[in-house]
Amino acid sequence: MNFGIVISDFEFRSMIDVVRRHFAQKRNPKSAFRNPKACVMHNDDLDPDNPFPDPVEIEITDVFDLHTIQPRDVKAVVEEYLEQAYHRGFASVRIIHGKGIGVQREMVRSILARTSFVVDWTDAPPGAGGLGATIVRLTPRTN
């Protein structure tokens, strides 16, 4: 199993800043890295509540950690993740939703209940997240 990499929201935003500076340098190579103030990208069209409007591609592995996903995006992200995992032929996946009070666990499980290619699901074993993760078994994909 590939357990993937879990990064904090701060680390993710820092990585995005580095990528943006890289592309800013390509557009304006004389100033992007030489002047720290030039590293800040201004765009009047950006939503002030969404500093990262561009989609971020996440590597699809058999483990998906929801801790870095905004709660408002969890439903759509889990649905898309399951589709991608199924199309890549995974037999099972582990979705890490956290223990908390169970809100995200129930949201994930309601999505699993209505997903046609999900065979079943169960709590992860204690060493793999216990109540904070769900193991999902997918139907074998036929070509």
C-alpha atoms as a PDB file:
ATOM      1  CA  MET A   1       0.000   0.000   0.000  1.00  0.00           C
ATOM      2  CA  ASN A   2       1.162   3.519  -0.750  1.00  0.00           C
ATOM      3  CA  PHE A   3       0.468   5.723   2.267  1.00  0.00           C
ATOM      4  CA  GLY A   4       1.083   9.005   0.400  1.00  0.00           C
ATOM      5  CA  ILE A   5       2.221  12.262   1.936  1.00  0.00           C
ATOM      6  CA  VAL A   6       0.182  14.365   4.336  1.00  0.00           C
ATOM      7  CA  ILE A   7       0.968  18.070   4.480  1.00  0.00           C
ATOM      8  CA  SER A   8      -0.493  20.860   6.544  1.00  0.00           C
ATOM      9  CA  ASP A   9      -2.530  23.690   5.064  1.00  0.00           C
ATOM     10  CA  PHE A  10       0.406  26.046   5.718  1.00  0.00           C
ATOM     11  CA  GLU A  11       2.821  23.741   3.864  1.00  0.00           C
ATOM     12  CA  PHE A  12       0.367  23.454   0.974  1.00  0.00           C
ATOM     13  CA  ARG A  13      -0.010  27.232   0.709  1.00  0.00           C
ATOM     14  CA  SER A  14       3.784  27.634   0.858  1.00  0.00           C
ATOM     15  CA  MET A  15       4.178  25.155  -1.997  1.00  0.00           C
ATOM     16  CA  ILE A  16       1.606  27.074  -4.046  1.00  0.00           C
ATOM     17  CA  ASP A  17       3.522  30.318  -3.402  1.00  0.00           C
ATOM     18  CA  VAL A  18       6.733  28.725  -4.694  1.00  0.00           C
ATOM     19  CA  VAL A  19       4.960  27.507  -7.836  1.00  0.00           C
ATOM     20  CA  ARG A  20       3.412  30.917  -8.425  1.00  0.00           C
ATOM     21  CA  ARG A  21       6.791  32.622  -8.026  1.00  0.00           C
ATOM     22  CA  HIS A  22       8.256  30.155 -10.498  1.00  0.00           C
ATOM     23  CA  PHE A  23       5.665  31.032 -13.121  1.00  0.00           C
ATOM     24  CA  ALA A  24       5.926  34.738 -12.309  1.00  0.00           C
ATOM     25  CA  GLN A  25       9.639  34.485 -13.044  1.00  0.00           C
ATOM     26  CA  LYS A  26       8.891  32.936 -16.433  1.00  0.00           C
ATOM     27  CA  ARG A  27       6.558  35.835 -17.257  1.00  0.00           C
ATOM     28  CA  ASN A  28       8.870  38.528 -15.886  1.00  0.00           C
ATOM     29  CA  PRO A  29      12.343  37.010 -15.394  1.00  0.00           C
ATOM     30  CA  LYS A  30      13.969  40.318 -14.406  1.00  0.00           C
ATOM     31  CA  SER A  31      11.984  40.843 -11.219  1.00  0.00           C
ATOM     32  CA  ALA A  32      10.169  37.789  -9.893  1.00  0.00           C
ATOM     33  CA  PHE A  33      12.835  36.417  -7.548  1.00  0.00           C
ATOM     34  CA  ARG A  34      15.121  39.422  -7.269  1.00  0.00           C
ATOM     35  CA  ASN A  35      12.546  41.667  -5.622  1.00  0.00           C
ATOM     36  CA  PRO A  36      10.531  39.945  -2.866  1.00  0.00           C
ATOM     37  CA  LYS A  37       7.640  42.349  -3.376  1.00  0.00           C
ATOM     38  CA  ALA A  38       7.467  41.251  -7.009  1.00  0.00           C
ATOM     39  CA  CYS A  39       6.780  37.687  -5.829  1.00  0.00           C
ATOM     40  CA  VAL A  40       3.290  38.708  -4.743  1.00  0.00           C
ATOM     41  CA  MET A  41       0.935  38.124  -7.634  1.00  0.00           C
ATOM     42  CA  HIS A  42      -1.924  40.572  -7.910  1.00  0.00           C
ATOM     43  CA  ASN A  43      -5.045  39.711  -9.792  1.00  0.00           C
ATOM     44  CA  ASP A  44      -8.205  41.761  -9.409  1.00  0.00           C
ATOM     45  CA  ASP A  45     -10.271  38.827 -10.651  1.00  0.00           C
ATOM     46  CA  LEU A  46      -9.353  36.547  -7.736  1.00  0.00           C
ATOM     47  CA  ASP A  47     -12.024  35.663  -5.239  1.00  0.00           C
ATOM     48  CA  PRO A  48     -10.767  37.165  -1.937  1.00  0.00           C
ATOM     49  CA  ASP A  49     -11.949  34.049  -0.093  1.00  0.00           C
ATOM     50  CA  ASN A  50     -10.116  31.699  -2.468  1.00  0.00           C
ATOM     51  CA  PRO A  51      -6.421  32.543  -2.781  1.00  0.00           C
ATOM     52  CA  PHE A  52      -5.844  29.371  -4.854  1.00  0.00           C
ATOM     53  CA  PRO A  53      -8.391  29.472  -7.684  1.00  0.00           C
ATOM     54  CA  ASP A  54      -6.506  27.079  -9.942  1.00  0.00           C
ATOM     55  CA  PRO A  55      -7.250  23.365  -9.581  1.00  0.00           C
ATOM     56  CA  VAL A  56      -4.613  21.338  -7.780  1.00  0.00           C
ATOM     57  CA  GLU A  57      -3.877  17.876  -9.117  1.00  0.00           C
ATOM     58  CA  ILE A  58      -3.473  15.337  -6.340  1.00  0.00           C
ATOM     59  CA  GLU A  59      -1.749  12.013  -6.963  1.00  0.00           C
ATOM     60  CA  ILE A  60      -4.269   9.186  -6.751  1.00  0.00           C
ATOM     61  CA  THR A  61      -3.095   6.447  -4.398  1.00  0.00           C
ATOM     62  CA  ASP A  62      -4.977   3.889  -2.339  1.00  0.00           C
ATOM     63  CA  VAL A  63      -4.961   6.272   0.655  1.00  0.00           C
ATOM     64  CA  PHE A  64      -6.677   9.651   0.747  1.00  0.00           C
ATOM     65  CA  ASP A  65      -6.414  11.996   3.748  1.00  0.00           C
ATOM     66  CA  LEU A  66      -9.238  14.523   4.077  1.00  0.00           C
ATOM     67  CA  HIS A  67      -7.504  16.609   6.749  1.00  0.00           C
ATOM     68  CA  THR A  68      -6.252  19.125   4.161  1.00  0.00           C
ATOM     69  CA  ILE A  69      -9.619  19.415   2.385  1.00  0.00           C
ATOM     70  CA  GLN A  70     -12.009  22.227   3.291  1.00  0.00           C
ATOM     71  CA  PRO A  71     -15.207  20.802   4.833  1.00  0.00           C
ATOM     72  CA  ARG A  72     -17.336  22.466   2.138  1.00  0.00           C
ATOM     73  CA  ASP A  73     -15.362  20.561  -0.533  1.00  0.00           C
ATOM     74  CA  VAL A  74     -15.292  17.116   1.079  1.00  0.00           C
ATOM     75  CA  LYS A  75     -18.344  15.700  -0.713  1.00  0.00           C
ATOM     76  CA  ALA A  76     -17.187  16.627  -4.218  1.00  0.00           C
ATOM     77  CA  VAL A  77     -13.573  15.642  -3.542  1.00  0.00           C
ATOM     78  CA  VAL A  78     -14.482  12.214  -2.128  1.00  0.00           C
ATOM     79  CA  GLU A  79     -16.816  11.503  -5.059  1.00  0.00           C
ATOM     80  CA  GLU A  80     -14.081  12.431  -7.551  1.00  0.00           C
ATOM     81  CA  TYR A  81     -11.437  10.478  -5.637  1.00  0.00           C
ATOM     82  CA  LEU A  82     -13.599   7.340  -5.655  1.00  0.00           C
ATOM     83  CA  GLU A  83     -14.201   7.690  -9.408  1.00  0.00           C
ATOM     84  CA  GLN A  84     -10.482   8.077 -10.078  1.00  0.00           C
ATOM     85  CA  ALA A  85      -9.514   5.191  -7.778  1.00  0.00           C
ATOM     86  CA  TYR A  86     -12.079   2.935  -9.448  1.00  0.00           C
ATOM     87  CA  HIS A  87     -10.908   3.851 -12.953  1.00  0.00           C
ATOM     88  CA  ARG A  88      -7.303   3.162 -11.932  1.00  0.00           C
ATOM     89  CA  GLY A  89      -8.334  -0.342 -10.857  1.00  0.00           C
ATOM     90  CA  PHE A  90      -7.826  -0.145  -7.092  1.00  0.00           C
ATOM     91  CA  ALA A  91      -9.437  -3.075  -5.287  1.00  0.00           C
ATOM     92  CA  SER A  92      -9.640  -1.130  -2.032  1.00  0.00           C
ATOM     93  CA  VAL A  93      -8.838   2.332  -0.701  1.00  0.00           C
ATOM     94  CA  ARG A  94      -8.481   3.930   2.719  1.00  0.00           C
ATOM     95  CA  ILE A  95     -10.117   7.307   3.330  1.00  0.00           C
ATOM     96  CA  ILE A  96      -8.776   9.127   6.386  1.00  0.00           C
ATOM     97  CA  HIS A  97     -11.488  11.423   7.730  1.00  0.00           C
ATOM     98  CA  GLY A  98     -10.371  11.819  11.335  1.00  0.00           C
ATOM     99  CA  LYS A  99     -12.085  10.769  14.538  1.00  0.00           C
ATOM    100  CA  GLY A 100     -13.660  14.025  15.730  1.00  0.00           C
ATOM    101  CA  ILE A 101     -17.370  13.755  16.444  1.00  0.00           C
ATOM    102  CA  GLY A 102     -18.028  11.688  13.311  1.00  0.00           C
ATOM    103  CA  VAL A 103     -19.495  14.290  10.948  1.00  0.00           C
ATOM    104  CA  GLN A 104     -17.014  13.677   8.130  1.00  0.00           C
ATOM    105  CA  ARG A 105     -17.118   9.900   8.708  1.00  0.00           C
ATOM    106  CA  GLU A 106     -20.883   9.952   8.217  1.00  0.00           C
ATOM    107  CA  MET A 107     -20.593  12.196   5.155  1.00  0.00           C
ATOM    108  CA  VAL A 108     -18.035   9.820   3.605  1.00  0.00           C
ATOM    109  CA  ARG A 109     -20.167   6.801   4.392  1.00  0.00           C
ATOM    110  CA  SER A 110     -23.301   8.359   2.917  1.00  0.00           C
ATOM    111  CA  ILE A 111     -21.340   8.899  -0.312  1.00  0.00           C
ATOM    112  CA  LEU A 112     -20.145   5.285  -0.200  1.00  0.00           C
ATOM    113  CA  ALA A 113     -23.730   4.046   0.279  1.00  0.00           C
ATOM    114  CA  ARG A 114     -24.869   5.628  -2.989  1.00  0.00           C
ATOM    115  CA  THR A 115     -21.774   4.823  -5.074  1.00  0.00           C
ATOM    116  CA  SER A 116     -22.563   1.914  -7.389  1.00  0.00           C
ATOM    117  CA  PHE A 117     -19.045   0.438  -7.590  1.00  0.00           C
ATOM    118  CA  VAL A 118     -18.502   0.341  -3.799  1.00  0.00           C
ATOM    119  CA  VAL A 119     -18.902  -3.225  -2.505  1.00  0.00           C
ATOM    120  CA  ASP A 120     -18.617  -2.446   1.205  1.00  0.00           C
ATOM    121  CA  TRP A 121     -16.665  -0.501   3.819  1.00  0.00           C
ATOM    122  CA  THR A 122     -15.477  -0.856   7.381  1.00  0.00           C
ATOM    123  CA  ASP A 123     -13.487   0.974  10.055  1.00  0.00           C
ATOM    124  CA  ALA A 124      -9.756   0.755   9.492  1.00  0.00           C
ATOM    125  CA  PRO A 125      -7.728  -1.429  11.855  1.00  0.00           C
ATOM    126  CA  PRO A 126      -6.232   0.437  14.848  1.00  0.00           C
ATOM    127  CA  GLY A 127      -2.791   0.681  13.222  1.00  0.00           C
ATOM    128  CA  ALA A 128      -4.276   2.274  10.090  1.00  0.00           C
ATOM    129  CA  GLY A 129      -6.488   4.914  11.690  1.00  0.00           C
ATOM    130  CA  GLY A 130      -9.188   2.958  13.528  1.00  0.00           C
ATOM    131  CA  LEU A 131     -12.379   5.033  13.773  1.00  0.00           C
ATOM    132  CA  GLY A 132     -10.584   7.885  11.995  1.00  0.00           C
ATOM    133  CA  ALA A 133     -10.377   6.049   8.675  1.00  0.00           C
ATOM    134  CA  THR A 134     -12.609   3.916   6.488  1.00  0.00           C
ATOM    135  CA  ILE A 135     -11.463   1.005   4.332  1.00  0.00           C
ATOM    136  CA  VAL A 136     -13.521   0.823   1.136  1.00  0.00           C
ATOM    137  CA  ARG A 137     -13.720  -2.242  -1.117  1.00  0.00           C
ATOM    138  CA  LEU A 138     -14.434  -1.505  -4.786  1.00  0.00           C
ATOM    139  CA  THR A 139     -15.877  -3.802  -7.429  1.00  0.00           C
ATOM    140  CA  PRO A 140     -13.331  -5.095  -9.917  1.00  0.00           C
ATOM    141  CA  ARG A 141     -13.333  -2.942 -13.015  1.00  0.00           C
ATOM    142  CA  THR A 142     -14.148  -4.670 -16.283  1.00  0.00           C
ATOM    143  CA  ASN A 143     -12.673  -3.193 -19.441  1.00  0.00           C
END
